[in-house]
């Protein structure tokens, strides 16, 4: 963890094969300060707060997602999220109605203990199954921010899953996905995007810059029932990109 100075471990939980740790550090992503963050066993940071300025949204991807939400449906009210992290986005919009699906109850416990998450809107369980039980056409946004040790769960990237999300969104709704991948020659990212395009008439992809095209970086992919707009200066460093065609992903058939 060379990007951190004076790293101090506050808590560690082992849930299945996933190791979940809370740290404090005096530096994060090159910024000096006092930070607390939640990290999974693949070293991916799932959320961070600035202890000197707790209301500041530290990480780029939630800032970019929040801009997309506010810019495209300024009056949005209802959001379904898969993946809780520390609750950055839902905590920021405490006046909105959120339903959050989180498969790991330890993540929720840590968010309450160390990151002051206080909303009573998290349901423990598989996000796809929980979404299936929601009313059709009820959401302005569905946000996918779910990661296991292996990456984004496969069953949250298929044609059938995207059909489900479209059924649960209203006429102007969008799905916003936080992913990790490469801009070029990334079969999985290309497949997710191509599958999404089969279901949604309007799609966009964004990426943080990296030194090399082969470097893995944070990406945001959006599918919408209406045209999408954004202000480049408000995207927290994310740039719009073009992705290559990939194969369409379908649910794995049992038996």
C-alpha atoms as a PDB file:
ATOM      1  CA  UNK A   1       0.000   0.000   0.000  1.00  0.00           C
ATOM      2  CA  UNK A   2       2.615   2.493  -1.094  1.00  0.00           C
ATOM      3  CA  UNK A   3       0.001   5.182  -1.797  1.00  0.00           C
ATOM      4  CA  UNK A   4      -0.671   5.596   1.946  1.00  0.00           C
ATOM      5  CA  UNK A   5       1.405   7.168   4.698  1.00  0.00           C
ATOM      6  CA  UNK A   6       1.042   6.383   8.425  1.00  0.00           C
ATOM      7  CA  UNK A   7      -1.575   3.691   7.811  1.00  0.00           C
ATOM      8  CA  UNK A   8      -3.527   2.698  10.923  1.00  0.00           C
ATOM      9  CA  UNK A   9      -5.957  -0.212  11.038  1.00  0.00           C
ATOM     10  CA  UNK A  10      -9.202   0.439  12.947  1.00  0.00           C
ATOM     11  CA  UNK A  11     -11.123  -2.758  12.197  1.00  0.00           C
ATOM     12  CA  UNK A  12     -10.958  -5.963  10.179  1.00  0.00           C
ATOM     13  CA  UNK A  13     -13.770  -8.390   9.416  1.00  0.00           C
ATOM     14  CA  UNK A  14     -13.618 -11.669   7.520  1.00  0.00           C
ATOM     15  CA  UNK A  15     -16.882 -12.532   5.784  1.00  0.00           C
ATOM     16  CA  UNK A  16     -16.648 -15.653   3.643  1.00  0.00           C
ATOM     17  CA  UNK A  17     -13.621 -15.152   1.407  1.00  0.00           C
ATOM     18  CA  UNK A  18     -13.869 -11.364   1.622  1.00  0.00           C
ATOM     19  CA  UNK A  19     -11.630  -9.418   3.986  1.00  0.00           C
ATOM     20  CA  UNK A  20     -13.062  -6.020   4.932  1.00  0.00           C
ATOM     21  CA  UNK A  21     -10.816  -3.486   6.636  1.00  0.00           C
ATOM     22  CA  UNK A  22     -11.182   0.061   7.934  1.00  0.00           C
ATOM     23  CA  UNK A  23      -8.058   2.216   7.913  1.00  0.00           C
ATOM     24  CA  UNK A  24      -7.023   5.740   8.778  1.00  0.00           C
ATOM     25  CA  UNK A  25      -4.184   7.513   6.968  1.00  0.00           C
ATOM     26  CA  UNK A  26      -2.632  10.972   6.725  1.00  0.00           C
ATOM     27  CA  UNK A  27      -2.548  10.766   2.939  1.00  0.00           C
ATOM     28  CA  UNK A  28      -4.965   9.402   0.353  1.00  0.00           C
ATOM     29  CA  UNK A  29      -4.521   9.484  -3.427  1.00  0.00           C
ATOM     30  CA  UNK A  30      -1.726  12.017  -3.013  1.00  0.00           C
ATOM     31  CA  UNK A  31      -3.753  14.385  -0.806  1.00  0.00           C
ATOM     32  CA  UNK A  32      -2.411  15.223   2.653  1.00  0.00           C
ATOM     33  CA  UNK A  33      -5.002  15.245   5.418  1.00  0.00           C
ATOM     34  CA  UNK A  34      -6.812  12.896   7.771  1.00  0.00           C
ATOM     35  CA  UNK A  35      -8.733  10.146   6.013  1.00  0.00           C
ATOM     36  CA  UNK A  36     -10.694   7.059   6.958  1.00  0.00           C
ATOM     37  CA  UNK A  37     -11.556   4.448   4.327  1.00  0.00           C
ATOM     38  CA  UNK A  38     -13.113   1.031   3.802  1.00  0.00           C
ATOM     39  CA  UNK A  39     -11.127  -1.475   1.771  1.00  0.00           C
ATOM     40  CA  UNK A  40     -11.846  -4.961   0.455  1.00  0.00           C
ATOM     41  CA  UNK A  41      -9.346  -7.777   0.139  1.00  0.00           C
ATOM     42  CA  UNK A  42      -8.551  -6.917  -3.488  1.00  0.00           C
ATOM     43  CA  UNK A  43      -7.234  -3.550  -2.194  1.00  0.00           C
ATOM     44  CA  UNK A  44     -10.104  -1.680  -3.843  1.00  0.00           C
ATOM     45  CA  UNK A  45     -11.246   1.235  -1.703  1.00  0.00           C
ATOM     46  CA  UNK A  46     -15.027   1.093  -1.297  1.00  0.00           C
ATOM     47  CA  UNK A  47     -15.462   4.489   0.315  1.00  0.00           C
ATOM     48  CA  UNK A  48     -13.540   7.219   2.105  1.00  0.00           C
ATOM     49  CA  UNK A  49     -14.207  10.260   4.264  1.00  0.00           C
ATOM     50  CA  UNK A  50     -12.170  13.343   5.060  1.00  0.00           C
ATOM     51  CA  UNK A  51     -12.238  13.487   8.857  1.00  0.00           C
ATOM     52  CA  UNK A  52     -11.456  17.208   8.806  1.00  0.00           C
ATOM     53  CA  UNK A  53     -14.305  17.903   6.339  1.00  0.00           C
ATOM     54  CA  UNK A  54     -16.770  14.986   6.693  1.00  0.00           C
ATOM     55  CA  UNK A  55     -19.367  16.349   4.255  1.00  0.00           C
ATOM     56  CA  UNK A  56     -16.870  16.485   1.374  1.00  0.00           C
ATOM     57  CA  UNK A  57     -17.214  13.652  -1.137  1.00  0.00           C
ATOM     58  CA  UNK A  58     -13.628  12.408  -1.393  1.00  0.00           C
ATOM     59  CA  UNK A  59     -13.688   9.864  -4.217  1.00  0.00           C
ATOM     60  CA  UNK A  60     -14.162  10.787  -7.862  1.00  0.00           C
ATOM     61  CA  UNK A  61     -16.688   8.161  -8.927  1.00  0.00           C
ATOM     62  CA  UNK A  62     -19.498   9.116  -6.505  1.00  0.00           C
ATOM     63  CA  UNK A  63     -19.009  12.786  -7.431  1.00  0.00           C
ATOM     64  CA  UNK A  64     -19.371  11.892 -11.123  1.00  0.00           C
ATOM     65  CA  UNK A  65     -22.411   9.689 -10.468  1.00  0.00           C
ATOM     66  CA  UNK A  66     -24.064  12.428  -8.417  1.00  0.00           C
ATOM     67  CA  UNK A  67     -23.529  14.915 -11.232  1.00  0.00           C
ATOM     68  CA  UNK A  68     -25.127  12.548 -13.750  1.00  0.00           C
ATOM     69  CA  UNK A  69     -28.103  12.069 -11.430  1.00  0.00           C
ATOM     70  CA  UNK A  70     -28.631  15.780 -10.797  1.00  0.00           C
ATOM     71  CA  UNK A  71     -28.006  16.827 -14.400  1.00  0.00           C
ATOM     72  CA  UNK A  72     -30.361  14.349 -16.054  1.00  0.00           C
ATOM     73  CA  UNK A  73     -33.270  14.160 -13.586  1.00  0.00           C
ATOM     74  CA  UNK A  74     -32.865  17.156 -11.243  1.00  0.00           C
ATOM     75  CA  UNK A  75     -36.104  16.315  -9.426  1.00  0.00           C
ATOM     76  CA  UNK A  76     -35.262  12.625  -8.841  1.00  0.00           C
ATOM     77  CA  UNK A  77     -36.760  11.060  -5.718  1.00  0.00           C
ATOM     78  CA  UNK A  78     -36.434   7.265  -5.839  1.00  0.00           C
ATOM     79  CA  UNK A  79     -33.150   5.360  -6.177  1.00  0.00           C
ATOM     80  CA  UNK A  80     -32.265   1.669  -5.941  1.00  0.00           C
ATOM     81  CA  UNK A  81     -28.639   0.839  -5.173  1.00  0.00           C
ATOM     82  CA  UNK A  82     -26.802  -2.464  -5.276  1.00  0.00           C
ATOM     83  CA  UNK A  83     -23.716  -2.192  -3.067  1.00  0.00           C
ATOM     84  CA  UNK A  84     -23.617  -0.043   0.050  1.00  0.00           C
ATOM     85  CA  UNK A  85     -19.944   0.655   0.759  1.00  0.00           C
ATOM     86  CA  UNK A  86     -19.912   3.412   3.379  1.00  0.00           C
ATOM     87  CA  UNK A  87     -23.159   4.914   2.072  1.00  0.00           C
ATOM     88  CA  UNK A  88     -21.663   8.011   0.443  1.00  0.00           C
ATOM     89  CA  UNK A  89     -24.341   8.692  -2.174  1.00  0.00           C
ATOM     90  CA  UNK A  90     -27.376   7.725  -0.102  1.00  0.00           C
ATOM     91  CA  UNK A  91     -26.024   9.666   2.872  1.00  0.00           C
ATOM     92  CA  UNK A  92     -25.558  12.762   0.705  1.00  0.00           C
ATOM     93  CA  UNK A  93     -29.199  12.604  -0.433  1.00  0.00           C
ATOM     94  CA  UNK A  94     -30.820  11.935   2.935  1.00  0.00           C
ATOM     95  CA  UNK A  95     -33.971  13.742   1.721  1.00  0.00           C
ATOM     96  CA  UNK A  96     -34.484  11.234  -1.132  1.00  0.00           C
ATOM     97  CA  UNK A  97     -35.946   7.722  -1.008  1.00  0.00           C
ATOM     98  CA  UNK A  98     -33.238   5.061  -1.339  1.00  0.00           C
ATOM     99  CA  UNK A  99     -33.489   1.286  -1.243  1.00  0.00           C
ATOM    100  CA  UNK A 100     -30.018  -0.207  -0.859  1.00  0.00           C
ATOM    101  CA  UNK A 101     -29.223  -3.885  -1.365  1.00  0.00           C
ATOM    102  CA  UNK A 102     -26.054  -5.089   0.357  1.00  0.00           C
ATOM    103  CA  UNK A 103     -25.134  -8.751   0.469  1.00  0.00           C
ATOM    104  CA  UNK A 104     -22.679  -8.413   3.350  1.00  0.00           C
ATOM    105  CA  UNK A 105     -24.091  -7.254   6.670  1.00  0.00           C
ATOM    106  CA  UNK A 106     -20.548  -6.636   7.988  1.00  0.00           C
ATOM    107  CA  UNK A 107     -20.179  -3.807   5.450  1.00  0.00           C
ATOM    108  CA  UNK A 108     -23.310  -2.143   6.820  1.00  0.00           C
ATOM    109  CA  UNK A 109     -22.143  -2.556  10.428  1.00  0.00           C
ATOM    110  CA  UNK A 110     -18.792  -0.955   9.632  1.00  0.00           C
ATOM    111  CA  UNK A 111     -20.470   1.920   7.765  1.00  0.00           C
ATOM    112  CA  UNK A 112     -22.523   2.702  10.853  1.00  0.00           C
ATOM    113  CA  UNK A 113     -19.711   2.318  13.372  1.00  0.00           C
ATOM    114  CA  UNK A 114     -16.894   4.102  11.541  1.00  0.00           C
ATOM    115  CA  UNK A 115     -18.549   6.284   8.881  1.00  0.00           C
ATOM    116  CA  UNK A 116     -21.655   7.558  10.726  1.00  0.00           C
ATOM    117  CA  UNK A 117     -24.168   6.060   8.318  1.00  0.00           C
ATOM    118  CA  UNK A 118     -27.531   6.460  10.048  1.00  0.00           C
ATOM    119  CA  UNK A 119     -30.235   5.850   7.413  1.00  0.00           C
ATOM    120  CA  UNK A 120     -32.568   2.878   7.806  1.00  0.00           C
ATOM    121  CA  UNK A 121     -32.778   1.897   4.147  1.00  0.00           C
ATOM    122  CA  UNK A 122     -30.410  -1.059   3.673  1.00  0.00           C
ATOM    123  CA  UNK A 123     -31.738  -4.537   2.888  1.00  0.00           C
ATOM    124  CA  UNK A 124     -29.365  -7.466   3.370  1.00  0.00           C
ATOM    125  CA  UNK A 125     -29.359  -9.905   0.476  1.00  0.00           C
ATOM    126  CA  UNK A 126     -28.639 -10.399  -3.209  1.00  0.00           C
ATOM    127  CA  UNK A 127     -29.289  -7.168  -5.113  1.00  0.00           C
ATOM    128  CA  UNK A 128     -30.925  -8.806  -8.117  1.00  0.00           C
ATOM    129  CA  UNK A 129     -33.379 -10.771  -5.988  1.00  0.00           C
ATOM    130  CA  UNK A 130     -34.254  -7.695  -3.942  1.00  0.00           C
ATOM    131  CA  UNK A 131     -34.751  -5.648  -7.116  1.00  0.00           C
ATOM    132  CA  UNK A 132     -37.117  -8.289  -8.488  1.00  0.00           C
ATOM    133  CA  UNK A 133     -39.428  -7.613  -5.532  1.00  0.00           C
ATOM    134  CA  UNK A 134     -39.621  -3.856  -6.152  1.00  0.00           C
ATOM    135  CA  UNK A 135     -42.536  -2.207  -7.934  1.00  0.00           C
ATOM    136  CA  UNK A 136     -42.239  -1.807 -11.708  1.00  0.00           C
ATOM    137  CA  UNK A 137     -41.525   1.685 -13.032  1.00  0.00           C
ATOM    138  CA  UNK A 138     -40.795   3.031  -9.575  1.00  0.00           C
ATOM    139  CA  UNK A 139     -37.210   4.276  -9.750  1.00  0.00           C
ATOM    140  CA  UNK A 140     -35.520   7.313 -11.237  1.00  0.00           C
ATOM    141  CA  UNK A 141     -32.116   5.635 -10.947  1.00  0.00           C
ATOM    142  CA  UNK A 142     -30.610   2.233 -10.335  1.00  0.00           C
ATOM    143  CA  UNK A 143     -26.973   2.417  -9.252  1.00  0.00           C
ATOM    144  CA  UNK A 144     -24.743  -0.643  -9.427  1.00  0.00           C
ATOM    145  CA  UNK A 145     -21.664  -0.413  -7.205  1.00  0.00           C
ATOM    146  CA  UNK A 146     -21.162  -4.046  -6.258  1.00  0.00           C
ATOM    147  CA  UNK A 147     -17.849  -5.860  -6.044  1.00  0.00           C
ATOM    148  CA  UNK A 148     -16.678  -9.241  -4.829  1.00  0.00           C
ATOM    149  CA  UNK A 149     -13.115 -10.483  -4.661  1.00  0.00           C
ATOM    150  CA  UNK A 150     -13.501 -11.468  -8.341  1.00  0.00           C
ATOM    151  CA  UNK A 151     -15.031  -8.160  -9.462  1.00  0.00           C
ATOM    152  CA  UNK A 152     -18.586  -7.204 -10.456  1.00  0.00           C
ATOM    153  CA  UNK A 153     -20.854 -10.261  -9.986  1.00  0.00           C
ATOM    154  CA  UNK A 154     -21.687 -11.865 -13.331  1.00  0.00           C
ATOM    155  CA  UNK A 155     -25.446 -12.067 -12.713  1.00  0.00           C
ATOM    156  CA  UNK A 156     -25.521  -8.258 -12.436  1.00  0.00           C
ATOM    157  CA  UNK A 157     -24.147  -7.807 -15.966  1.00  0.00           C
ATOM    158  CA  UNK A 158     -26.414  -9.952 -18.151  1.00  0.00           C
ATOM    159  CA  UNK A 159     -29.131  -9.253 -20.700  1.00  0.00           C
ATOM    160  CA  UNK A 160     -31.766 -10.587 -18.314  1.00  0.00           C
ATOM    161  CA  UNK A 161     -30.530  -8.377 -15.476  1.00  0.00           C
ATOM    162  CA  UNK A 162     -30.598  -5.256 -17.651  1.00  0.00           C
ATOM    163  CA  UNK A 163     -34.123  -6.160 -18.801  1.00  0.00           C
ATOM    164  CA  UNK A 164     -35.083  -6.333 -15.120  1.00  0.00           C
ATOM    165  CA  UNK A 165     -33.563  -2.923 -14.398  1.00  0.00           C
ATOM    166  CA  UNK A 166     -35.410  -1.335 -17.311  1.00  0.00           C
ATOM    167  CA  UNK A 167     -38.698  -2.745 -16.018  1.00  0.00           C
ATOM    168  CA  UNK A 168     -38.082  -1.202 -12.602  1.00  0.00           C
ATOM    169  CA  UNK A 169     -37.137   2.261 -13.926  1.00  0.00           C
ATOM    170  CA  UNK A 170     -39.602   4.955 -14.895  1.00  0.00           C
ATOM    171  CA  UNK A 171     -39.795   6.435 -18.399  1.00  0.00           C
ATOM    172  CA  UNK A 172     -36.869   8.820 -17.841  1.00  0.00           C
ATOM    173  CA  UNK A 173     -34.828   6.470 -15.638  1.00  0.00           C
ATOM    174  CA  UNK A 174     -31.220   5.324 -15.957  1.00  0.00           C
ATOM    175  CA  UNK A 175     -28.906   2.637 -14.649  1.00  0.00           C
ATOM    176  CA  UNK A 176     -25.467   3.887 -13.605  1.00  0.00           C
ATOM    177  CA  UNK A 177     -22.704   1.321 -13.130  1.00  0.00           C
ATOM    178  CA  UNK A 178     -19.392   1.791 -11.317  1.00  0.00           C
ATOM    179  CA  UNK A 179     -16.869  -0.641 -12.821  1.00  0.00           C
ATOM    180  CA  UNK A 180     -13.153  -1.296 -13.102  1.00  0.00           C
ATOM    181  CA  UNK A 181     -11.563  -2.087 -16.432  1.00  0.00           C
ATOM    182  CA  UNK A 182      -9.434  -1.049 -19.381  1.00  0.00           C
ATOM    183  CA  UNK A 183     -10.290   1.350 -22.190  1.00  0.00           C
ATOM    184  CA  UNK A 184      -8.940  -1.002 -24.875  1.00  0.00           C
ATOM    185  CA  UNK A 185      -9.101  -4.767 -25.340  1.00  0.00           C
ATOM    186  CA  UNK A 186     -11.124  -5.432 -22.197  1.00  0.00           C
ATOM    187  CA  UNK A 187     -13.454  -8.263 -23.171  1.00  0.00           C
ATOM    188  CA  UNK A 188     -15.552  -8.043 -20.017  1.00  0.00           C
ATOM    189  CA  UNK A 189     -16.099  -4.273 -20.113  1.00  0.00           C
ATOM    190  CA  UNK A 190     -16.864  -4.389 -23.836  1.00  0.00           C
ATOM    191  CA  UNK A 191     -19.348  -7.217 -23.253  1.00  0.00           C
ATOM    192  CA  UNK A 192     -21.101  -5.410 -20.393  1.00  0.00           C
ATOM    193  CA  UNK A 193     -21.438  -2.264 -22.508  1.00  0.00           C
ATOM    194  CA  UNK A 194     -22.629  -4.111 -25.620  1.00  0.00           C
ATOM    195  CA  UNK A 195     -25.173  -6.050 -23.549  1.00  0.00           C
ATOM    196  CA  UNK A 196     -26.445  -2.824 -21.975  1.00  0.00           C
ATOM    197  CA  UNK A 197     -26.889  -1.297 -25.451  1.00  0.00           C
ATOM    198  CA  UNK A 198     -29.235  -4.151 -26.361  1.00  0.00           C
ATOM    199  CA  UNK A 199     -31.701  -2.952 -23.716  1.00  0.00           C
ATOM    200  CA  UNK A 200     -31.268   0.814 -23.410  1.00  0.00           C
ATOM    201  CA  UNK A 201     -31.667   3.230 -26.341  1.00  0.00           C
ATOM    202  CA  UNK A 202     -29.156   5.701 -24.882  1.00  0.00           C
ATOM    203  CA  UNK A 203     -25.799   4.737 -23.414  1.00  0.00           C
ATOM    204  CA  UNK A 204     -22.552   6.432 -22.451  1.00  0.00           C
ATOM    205  CA  UNK A 205     -19.226   5.307 -20.998  1.00  0.00           C
ATOM    206  CA  UNK A 206     -16.720   7.314 -18.968  1.00  0.00           C
ATOM    207  CA  UNK A 207     -13.273   6.597 -17.580  1.00  0.00           C
ATOM    208  CA  UNK A 208     -10.696   8.161 -15.329  1.00  0.00           C
ATOM    209  CA  UNK A 209      -7.417   8.767 -17.158  1.00  0.00           C
ATOM    210  CA  UNK A 210      -4.440   6.434 -16.702  1.00  0.00           C
ATOM    211  CA  UNK A 211      -0.833   6.389 -17.846  1.00  0.00           C
ATOM    212  CA  UNK A 212      -1.346   3.490 -20.233  1.00  0.00           C
ATOM    213  CA  UNK A 213      -4.368   2.162 -22.150  1.00  0.00           C
ATOM    214  CA  UNK A 214      -3.652  -1.244 -20.627  1.00  0.00           C
ATOM    215  CA  UNK A 215      -4.006   0.105 -17.076  1.00  0.00           C
ATOM    216  CA  UNK A 216      -7.114  -0.822 -15.111  1.00  0.00           C
ATOM    217  CA  UNK A 217      -9.046   2.200 -13.955  1.00  0.00           C
ATOM    218  CA  UNK A 218     -12.402   3.355 -12.592  1.00  0.00           C
ATOM    219  CA  UNK A 219     -15.152   3.452 -15.242  1.00  0.00           C
ATOM    220  CA  UNK A 220     -18.793   4.529 -15.257  1.00  0.00           C
ATOM    221  CA  UNK A 221     -21.278   3.091 -17.746  1.00  0.00           C
ATOM    222  CA  UNK A 222     -24.797   4.471 -18.099  1.00  0.00           C
ATOM    223  CA  UNK A 223     -27.901   3.122 -19.810  1.00  0.00           C
ATOM    224  CA  UNK A 224     -30.963   5.334 -20.078  1.00  0.00           C
ATOM    225  CA  UNK A 225     -34.504   5.518 -21.401  1.00  0.00           C
ATOM    226  CA  UNK A 226     -33.868   9.099 -22.542  1.00  0.00           C
ATOM    227  CA  UNK A 227     -30.972  11.141 -23.909  1.00  0.00           C
ATOM    228  CA  UNK A 228     -28.091  11.651 -21.503  1.00  0.00           C
ATOM    229  CA  UNK A 229     -26.311  14.915 -20.800  1.00  0.00           C
ATOM    230  CA  UNK A 230     -23.397  15.961 -18.596  1.00  0.00           C
ATOM    231  CA  UNK A 231     -21.028  18.855 -17.957  1.00  0.00           C
ATOM    232  CA  UNK A 232     -17.419  17.765 -18.458  1.00  0.00           C
ATOM    233  CA  UNK A 233     -16.101  20.053 -15.708  1.00  0.00           C
ATOM    234  CA  UNK A 234     -18.461  18.407 -13.191  1.00  0.00           C
ATOM    235  CA  UNK A 235     -17.411  14.809 -13.942  1.00  0.00           C
ATOM    236  CA  UNK A 236     -14.587  14.719 -11.353  1.00  0.00           C
ATOM    237  CA  UNK A 237     -11.970  13.875 -13.983  1.00  0.00           C
ATOM    238  CA  UNK A 238     -14.001  11.213 -15.813  1.00  0.00           C
ATOM    239  CA  UNK A 239     -13.803  11.508 -19.596  1.00  0.00           C
ATOM    240  CA  UNK A 240     -16.323  10.181 -22.102  1.00  0.00           C
ATOM    241  CA  UNK A 241     -14.905   7.213 -24.027  1.00  0.00           C
ATOM    242  CA  UNK A 242     -15.883   4.894 -26.862  1.00  0.00           C
ATOM    243  CA  UNK A 243     -15.838   1.183 -26.132  1.00  0.00           C
ATOM    244  CA  UNK A 244     -15.419  -1.687 -28.552  1.00  0.00           C
ATOM    245  CA  UNK A 245     -18.083  -4.244 -29.432  1.00  0.00           C
ATOM    246  CA  UNK A 246     -18.275  -7.304 -27.224  1.00  0.00           C
ATOM    247  CA  UNK A 247     -20.369 -10.438 -26.995  1.00  0.00           C
ATOM    248  CA  UNK A 248     -23.781 -10.263 -25.317  1.00  0.00           C
ATOM    249  CA  UNK A 249     -23.866 -11.721 -21.821  1.00  0.00           C
ATOM    250  CA  UNK A 250     -26.759 -13.984 -20.783  1.00  0.00           C
ATOM    251  CA  UNK A 251     -27.698 -15.742 -17.590  1.00  0.00           C
ATOM    252  CA  UNK A 252     -25.950 -19.042 -17.060  1.00  0.00           C
ATOM    253  CA  UNK A 253     -28.464 -21.828 -17.437  1.00  0.00           C
ATOM    254  CA  UNK A 254     -28.608 -24.396 -14.660  1.00  0.00           C
ATOM    255  CA  UNK A 255     -28.199 -28.021 -15.607  1.00  0.00           C
END
